[in-house]
N, C-alpha and C. Protein backbone atom coordinates (compact mmCIF):
# COMPACT_ATOMS: atom_id res chain seq x y z
N UNK A 1 9.99 -49.39 -21.04
CA UNK A 1 9.53 -50.26 -19.97
C UNK A 1 8.17 -49.79 -19.52
N UNK A 2 7.20 -50.67 -19.51
CA UNK A 2 5.84 -50.33 -19.13
C UNK A 2 5.75 -50.15 -17.62
N UNK A 3 4.97 -49.13 -17.24
CA UNK A 3 4.79 -48.90 -15.81
C UNK A 3 3.73 -49.85 -15.27
N UNK A 4 3.91 -50.36 -14.06
CA UNK A 4 2.92 -51.25 -13.48
C UNK A 4 1.63 -50.50 -13.18
N UNK A 5 0.52 -51.21 -13.21
CA UNK A 5 -0.76 -50.61 -12.89
C UNK A 5 -0.78 -50.23 -11.42
N UNK A 6 -1.22 -49.01 -11.14
CA UNK A 6 -1.17 -48.53 -9.75
C UNK A 6 -2.54 -48.52 -9.07
N UNK A 7 -3.60 -48.89 -9.78
CA UNK A 7 -4.92 -48.84 -9.17
C UNK A 7 -5.38 -50.19 -8.62
N UNK A 8 -4.44 -51.08 -8.38
CA UNK A 8 -4.78 -52.39 -7.82
C UNK A 8 -5.00 -52.28 -6.32
N UNK A 9 -5.98 -53.02 -5.82
CA UNK A 9 -6.24 -53.03 -4.39
C UNK A 9 -5.32 -54.04 -3.72
N UNK A 10 -4.93 -53.73 -2.50
CA UNK A 10 -4.08 -54.63 -1.74
C UNK A 10 -4.87 -55.88 -1.41
N UNK A 11 -4.23 -57.05 -1.52
CA UNK A 11 -4.94 -58.28 -1.19
C UNK A 11 -5.28 -58.34 0.30
N UNK A 12 -6.38 -58.98 0.57
CA UNK A 12 -6.84 -59.14 1.96
C UNK A 12 -6.90 -60.62 2.25
N UNK A 13 -6.41 -61.02 3.40
CA UNK A 13 -6.47 -62.42 3.78
C UNK A 13 -5.17 -62.88 4.39
N UNK A 14 -5.03 -64.18 4.49
CA UNK A 14 -3.82 -64.75 5.07
C UNK A 14 -3.29 -65.84 4.15
N UNK A 15 -2.03 -66.15 4.36
CA UNK A 15 -1.39 -67.25 3.63
C UNK A 15 -0.40 -67.92 4.57
N UNK A 16 -0.20 -69.18 4.38
CA UNK A 16 0.76 -69.93 5.18
C UNK A 16 1.91 -70.35 4.28
N UNK A 17 3.12 -69.96 4.69
CA UNK A 17 4.32 -70.36 3.93
C UNK A 17 5.35 -70.89 4.91
N UNK A 18 6.25 -71.73 4.43
CA UNK A 18 7.30 -72.24 5.32
C UNK A 18 8.18 -71.08 5.85
N UNK A 19 8.65 -71.24 7.07
CA UNK A 19 9.49 -70.22 7.70
C UNK A 19 10.74 -69.94 6.86
N UNK A 20 11.29 -70.96 6.21
CA UNK A 20 12.48 -70.76 5.38
C UNK A 20 12.19 -69.81 4.22
N UNK A 21 11.00 -69.95 3.63
CA UNK A 21 10.61 -69.06 2.53
C UNK A 21 10.45 -67.62 3.02
N UNK A 22 9.86 -67.49 4.20
CA UNK A 22 9.68 -66.16 4.78
C UNK A 22 11.03 -65.49 5.02
N UNK A 23 11.97 -66.24 5.60
CA UNK A 23 13.31 -65.70 5.83
C UNK A 23 14.00 -65.33 4.52
N UNK A 24 13.83 -66.16 3.50
CA UNK A 24 14.43 -65.88 2.20
C UNK A 24 13.85 -64.60 1.59
N UNK A 25 12.54 -64.42 1.70
CA UNK A 25 11.91 -63.20 1.17
C UNK A 25 12.38 -61.96 1.92
N UNK A 26 12.52 -62.06 3.23
CA UNK A 26 13.01 -60.92 4.02
C UNK A 26 14.42 -60.55 3.61
N UNK A 27 15.27 -61.57 3.39
CA UNK A 27 16.65 -61.32 2.99
C UNK A 27 16.68 -60.66 1.61
N UNK A 28 15.88 -61.16 0.68
CA UNK A 28 15.84 -60.58 -0.66
C UNK A 28 15.34 -59.14 -0.63
N UNK A 29 14.38 -58.86 0.22
CA UNK A 29 13.86 -57.50 0.35
C UNK A 29 14.96 -56.56 0.82
N UNK A 30 15.70 -57.00 1.82
CA UNK A 30 16.80 -56.19 2.36
C UNK A 30 17.88 -55.97 1.29
N UNK A 31 18.20 -57.02 0.55
CA UNK A 31 19.21 -56.91 -0.51
C UNK A 31 18.74 -55.95 -1.61
N UNK A 32 17.46 -55.99 -1.93
CA UNK A 32 16.90 -55.09 -2.95
C UNK A 32 17.00 -53.64 -2.50
N UNK A 33 16.66 -53.37 -1.25
CA UNK A 33 16.75 -52.01 -0.73
C UNK A 33 18.19 -51.51 -0.76
N UNK A 34 19.13 -52.38 -0.43
CA UNK A 34 20.55 -52.00 -0.46
C UNK A 34 20.99 -51.71 -1.90
N UNK A 35 20.56 -52.51 -2.85
CA UNK A 35 20.91 -52.30 -4.25
C UNK A 35 20.33 -50.98 -4.76
N UNK A 36 19.11 -50.67 -4.38
CA UNK A 36 18.50 -49.40 -4.78
C UNK A 36 19.29 -48.23 -4.23
N UNK A 37 19.69 -48.29 -2.98
CA UNK A 37 20.46 -47.21 -2.37
C UNK A 37 21.81 -47.04 -3.07
N UNK A 38 22.47 -48.14 -3.38
CA UNK A 38 23.77 -48.06 -4.08
C UNK A 38 23.60 -47.50 -5.49
N UNK A 39 22.52 -47.86 -6.16
CA UNK A 39 22.26 -47.35 -7.51
C UNK A 39 22.03 -45.85 -7.48
N UNK A 40 21.27 -45.37 -6.50
CA UNK A 40 21.03 -43.93 -6.38
C UNK A 40 22.32 -43.18 -6.08
N UNK A 41 23.18 -43.75 -5.25
CA UNK A 41 24.46 -43.12 -4.95
C UNK A 41 25.33 -43.08 -6.20
N UNK A 42 25.36 -44.16 -6.96
CA UNK A 42 26.13 -44.19 -8.20
C UNK A 42 25.59 -43.16 -9.19
N UNK A 43 24.29 -43.03 -9.27
CA UNK A 43 23.66 -42.04 -10.15
C UNK A 43 24.09 -40.63 -9.76
N UNK A 44 24.16 -40.37 -8.46
CA UNK A 44 24.62 -39.06 -7.99
C UNK A 44 26.06 -38.81 -8.42
N UNK A 45 26.92 -39.82 -8.27
CA UNK A 45 28.33 -39.65 -8.64
C UNK A 45 28.49 -39.44 -10.14
N UNK A 46 27.69 -40.11 -10.94
CA UNK A 46 27.73 -39.91 -12.39
C UNK A 46 27.30 -38.49 -12.73
N UNK A 47 26.31 -37.97 -12.04
CA UNK A 47 25.86 -36.59 -12.26
C UNK A 47 26.97 -35.60 -11.94
N UNK A 48 27.67 -35.82 -10.84
CA UNK A 48 28.78 -34.94 -10.46
C UNK A 48 29.88 -34.99 -11.51
N UNK A 49 30.23 -36.20 -11.97
CA UNK A 49 31.25 -36.34 -13.00
C UNK A 49 30.84 -35.62 -14.28
N UNK A 50 29.61 -35.81 -14.71
CA UNK A 50 29.14 -35.14 -15.92
C UNK A 50 29.15 -33.62 -15.77
N UNK A 51 28.84 -33.12 -14.60
CA UNK A 51 28.89 -31.67 -14.37
C UNK A 51 30.32 -31.16 -14.54
N UNK A 52 31.28 -31.90 -14.00
CA UNK A 52 32.68 -31.53 -14.13
C UNK A 52 33.11 -31.55 -15.59
N UNK A 53 32.77 -32.62 -16.30
CA UNK A 53 33.15 -32.74 -17.71
C UNK A 53 32.50 -31.64 -18.54
N UNK A 54 31.25 -31.32 -18.24
CA UNK A 54 30.52 -30.30 -19.00
C UNK A 54 31.19 -28.93 -18.87
N UNK A 55 31.82 -28.67 -17.74
CA UNK A 55 32.51 -27.39 -17.55
C UNK A 55 33.83 -27.37 -18.31
N UNK A 56 34.43 -28.52 -18.55
CA UNK A 56 35.72 -28.61 -19.22
C UNK A 56 35.58 -28.62 -20.75
N UNK A 57 34.50 -29.20 -21.24
CA UNK A 57 34.32 -29.36 -22.68
C UNK A 57 32.83 -29.28 -23.00
N UNK A 58 32.48 -28.55 -24.05
CA UNK A 58 31.06 -28.49 -24.40
C UNK A 58 30.52 -29.89 -24.75
N UNK A 59 29.48 -30.30 -24.06
CA UNK A 59 28.93 -31.64 -24.27
C UNK A 59 27.43 -31.62 -24.56
N UNK A 60 26.88 -30.43 -24.81
CA UNK A 60 25.44 -30.31 -25.00
C UNK A 60 24.94 -31.23 -26.12
N UNK A 61 25.65 -31.24 -27.27
CA UNK A 61 25.21 -32.07 -28.40
C UNK A 61 25.24 -33.56 -28.04
N UNK A 62 26.25 -33.97 -27.29
CA UNK A 62 26.35 -35.37 -26.88
C UNK A 62 25.21 -35.73 -25.92
N UNK A 63 24.86 -34.81 -25.03
CA UNK A 63 23.76 -35.05 -24.11
C UNK A 63 22.44 -35.18 -24.87
N UNK A 64 22.23 -34.29 -25.85
CA UNK A 64 21.02 -34.36 -26.66
C UNK A 64 20.93 -35.70 -27.41
N UNK A 65 22.06 -36.14 -27.97
CA UNK A 65 22.09 -37.41 -28.69
C UNK A 65 21.78 -38.57 -27.74
N UNK A 66 22.38 -38.52 -26.55
CA UNK A 66 22.11 -39.56 -25.56
C UNK A 66 20.62 -39.59 -25.21
N UNK A 67 20.03 -38.43 -24.94
CA UNK A 67 18.62 -38.35 -24.56
C UNK A 67 17.71 -38.87 -25.67
N UNK A 68 18.08 -38.62 -26.92
CA UNK A 68 17.28 -39.10 -28.04
C UNK A 68 17.30 -40.62 -28.15
N UNK A 69 18.42 -41.23 -27.75
CA UNK A 69 18.59 -42.67 -27.92
C UNK A 69 18.27 -43.50 -26.68
N UNK A 70 18.31 -42.88 -25.52
CA UNK A 70 18.14 -43.64 -24.28
C UNK A 70 16.68 -43.93 -23.98
N UNK A 71 16.42 -45.16 -23.58
CA UNK A 71 15.08 -45.57 -23.16
C UNK A 71 14.97 -45.59 -21.64
N UNK A 72 16.10 -45.47 -20.94
CA UNK A 72 16.09 -45.65 -19.49
C UNK A 72 16.36 -44.39 -18.68
N UNK A 73 17.02 -43.38 -19.29
CA UNK A 73 17.41 -42.20 -18.52
C UNK A 73 17.39 -40.95 -19.39
N UNK A 74 17.29 -39.81 -18.70
CA UNK A 74 17.37 -38.50 -19.36
C UNK A 74 18.41 -37.70 -18.59
N UNK A 75 19.29 -37.03 -19.33
CA UNK A 75 20.30 -36.16 -18.71
C UNK A 75 19.83 -34.72 -18.87
N UNK A 76 19.81 -33.99 -17.76
CA UNK A 76 19.44 -32.58 -17.76
C UNK A 76 20.67 -31.75 -17.42
N UNK A 77 20.85 -30.60 -18.08
CA UNK A 77 21.96 -29.71 -17.76
C UNK A 77 21.39 -28.31 -17.62
N UNK A 78 21.61 -27.68 -16.45
CA UNK A 78 21.10 -26.32 -16.28
C UNK A 78 22.08 -25.31 -16.86
N UNK A 79 21.70 -24.04 -16.79
CA UNK A 79 22.51 -22.99 -17.41
C UNK A 79 23.89 -22.83 -16.77
N UNK A 80 24.05 -23.31 -15.52
CA UNK A 80 25.34 -23.23 -14.84
C UNK A 80 26.23 -24.44 -15.10
N UNK A 81 25.73 -25.38 -15.91
CA UNK A 81 26.50 -26.58 -16.22
C UNK A 81 26.30 -27.72 -15.26
N UNK A 82 25.39 -27.57 -14.29
CA UNK A 82 25.11 -28.67 -13.35
C UNK A 82 24.28 -29.71 -14.07
N UNK A 83 24.72 -30.95 -13.97
CA UNK A 83 24.08 -32.05 -14.68
C UNK A 83 23.37 -32.96 -13.69
N UNK A 84 22.19 -33.42 -14.08
CA UNK A 84 21.48 -34.42 -13.28
C UNK A 84 21.01 -35.52 -14.23
N UNK A 85 20.97 -36.73 -13.70
CA UNK A 85 20.51 -37.87 -14.46
C UNK A 85 19.21 -38.35 -13.83
N UNK A 86 18.17 -38.48 -14.65
CA UNK A 86 16.87 -38.91 -14.16
C UNK A 86 16.51 -40.23 -14.86
N UNK A 87 16.18 -41.23 -14.06
CA UNK A 87 15.72 -42.49 -14.62
C UNK A 87 14.30 -42.30 -15.10
N UNK A 88 13.99 -42.77 -16.30
CA UNK A 88 12.68 -42.53 -16.90
C UNK A 88 11.55 -43.17 -16.12
N UNK A 89 11.76 -44.34 -15.51
CA UNK A 89 10.67 -44.95 -14.75
C UNK A 89 10.44 -44.25 -13.41
N UNK A 90 11.30 -43.29 -13.05
CA UNK A 90 11.07 -42.46 -11.87
C UNK A 90 10.49 -41.11 -12.25
N UNK A 91 10.41 -40.85 -13.56
CA UNK A 91 9.93 -39.54 -14.04
C UNK A 91 8.45 -39.39 -13.82
């Protein structure tokens, strides 16, 4: 996934839109923020589960295979078996 260009300047000026559109955009923004928070919480829970599984059964080779094939995430495991999942577009 390509990263968006970050050197764009913020637009300056005004625009007129119907109040209904404004309310719809505010609602969508709020829903997006909620979805992001839930996704981060789920990612944390997956990391905890993987840490538990890694202590029960050696999974290093499976993690390496996953990392080689995944375009969206990387799994890290420290020497104590603690696992973290990092989304590549946040890297």
